[in-house]
Amino acid sequence: MIKFSIKRDDLVRIITGDDKGKEGKVLQVLPKKSKVIIEGCNVVKKAIKPTDDNPKGGFITKEKPIHISNVKKI
């Protein structure tokens, strides 16, 4: 099993990529993929189809995972 020094609810800074320099709280750690999801960083818009809950469909914004080597603990 892989151990990481970054845990959920830690404050981290992104050191590479489009969101370089942004800081945020870790929402989730994905150890099998070596990725983390950070609040408010790497946000994308995703189209969703109409469903019973959302009859019109539309777009939602969602945080995507970032590789753990691209972030550092503050």
Protein backbone atom coordinates (compact mmCIF):
# COMPACT_ATOMS: atom_id res chain seq x y z
CA MET A 1 0.00 0.00 0.00
CA ILE A 2 1.25 3.47 -0.91
CA LYS A 3 1.51 6.04 1.91
CA PHE A 4 1.23 9.77 1.24
CA SER A 5 2.04 12.70 3.49
CA ILE A 6 -0.99 14.56 2.15
CA LYS A 7 -4.25 13.72 3.92
CA ARG A 8 -7.85 14.89 3.65
CA ASP A 9 -8.48 18.46 4.97
CA ASP A 10 -4.80 19.48 4.52
CA LEU A 11 -4.02 22.85 2.94
CA VAL A 12 -1.97 22.46 -0.25
CA ARG A 13 -0.59 24.64 -3.06
CA ILE A 14 -0.52 23.58 -6.72
CA ILE A 15 3.05 23.83 -8.06
CA THR A 16 2.53 23.02 -11.77
CA GLY A 17 -0.18 23.20 -14.41
CA ASP A 18 -2.92 25.68 -15.31
CA ASP A 19 -3.85 26.33 -11.67
CA LYS A 20 -0.23 26.93 -10.55
CA GLY A 21 -0.07 28.97 -7.34
CA LYS A 22 -3.64 28.28 -6.22
CA GLU A 23 -4.22 27.02 -2.70
CA GLY A 24 -7.03 24.89 -1.37
CA LYS A 25 -8.20 22.20 0.99
CA VAL A 26 -7.89 18.53 0.00
CA LEU A 27 -11.39 17.08 -0.38
CA GLN A 28 -10.38 13.52 -1.28
CA VAL A 29 -7.22 11.42 -1.73
CA LEU A 30 -7.24 8.69 -4.39
CA PRO A 31 -4.26 6.48 -3.41
CA LYS A 32 -4.65 3.85 -6.16
CA LYS A 33 -4.44 6.55 -8.85
CA SER A 34 -1.97 8.77 -6.89
CA LYS A 35 -4.30 11.76 -7.25
CA VAL A 36 -6.03 14.29 -5.01
CA ILE A 37 -9.13 16.45 -5.42
CA ILE A 38 -8.66 20.03 -4.21
CA GLU A 39 -11.49 22.43 -3.39
CA GLY A 40 -11.87 25.15 -6.05
CA CYS A 41 -8.95 24.00 -8.23
CA ASN A 42 -8.93 22.24 -11.62
CA VAL A 43 -12.63 23.04 -12.07
CA VAL A 44 -14.33 21.95 -15.31
CA LYS A 45 -17.83 22.37 -16.73
CA LYS A 46 -19.63 19.13 -17.49
CA ALA A 47 -22.79 18.70 -19.56
CA ILE A 48 -25.48 16.54 -17.99
CA LYS A 49 -28.42 14.90 -19.72
CA PRO A 50 -31.99 15.55 -18.59
CA THR A 51 -33.11 13.20 -15.80
CA ASP A 52 -36.09 12.94 -13.49
CA ASP A 53 -34.23 14.99 -10.85
CA ASN A 54 -33.08 17.61 -13.38
CA PRO A 55 -35.57 17.66 -16.30
CA LYS A 56 -33.79 20.44 -18.21
CA GLY A 57 -30.27 19.00 -18.03
CA GLY A 58 -27.57 21.63 -18.37
CA PHE A 59 -24.05 22.19 -17.08
CA ILE A 60 -22.43 21.59 -13.71
CA THR A 61 -19.01 22.62 -12.43
CA LYS A 62 -16.89 19.92 -10.87
CA GLU A 63 -13.38 19.55 -9.44
CA LYS A 64 -11.21 17.04 -11.29
CA PRO A 65 -8.31 15.10 -9.71
CA ILE A 66 -4.71 16.38 -9.83
CA HIS A 67 -1.65 14.12 -9.59
CA ILE A 68 -0.20 14.16 -6.10
CA SER A 69 3.27 15.11 -7.39
CA ASN A 70 1.86 18.45 -8.60
CA VAL A 71 0.87 19.67 -5.14
CA LYS A 72 2.76 20.45 -1.93
CA LYS A 73 1.66 20.84 1.66
CA ILE A 74 1.59 24.34 3.15
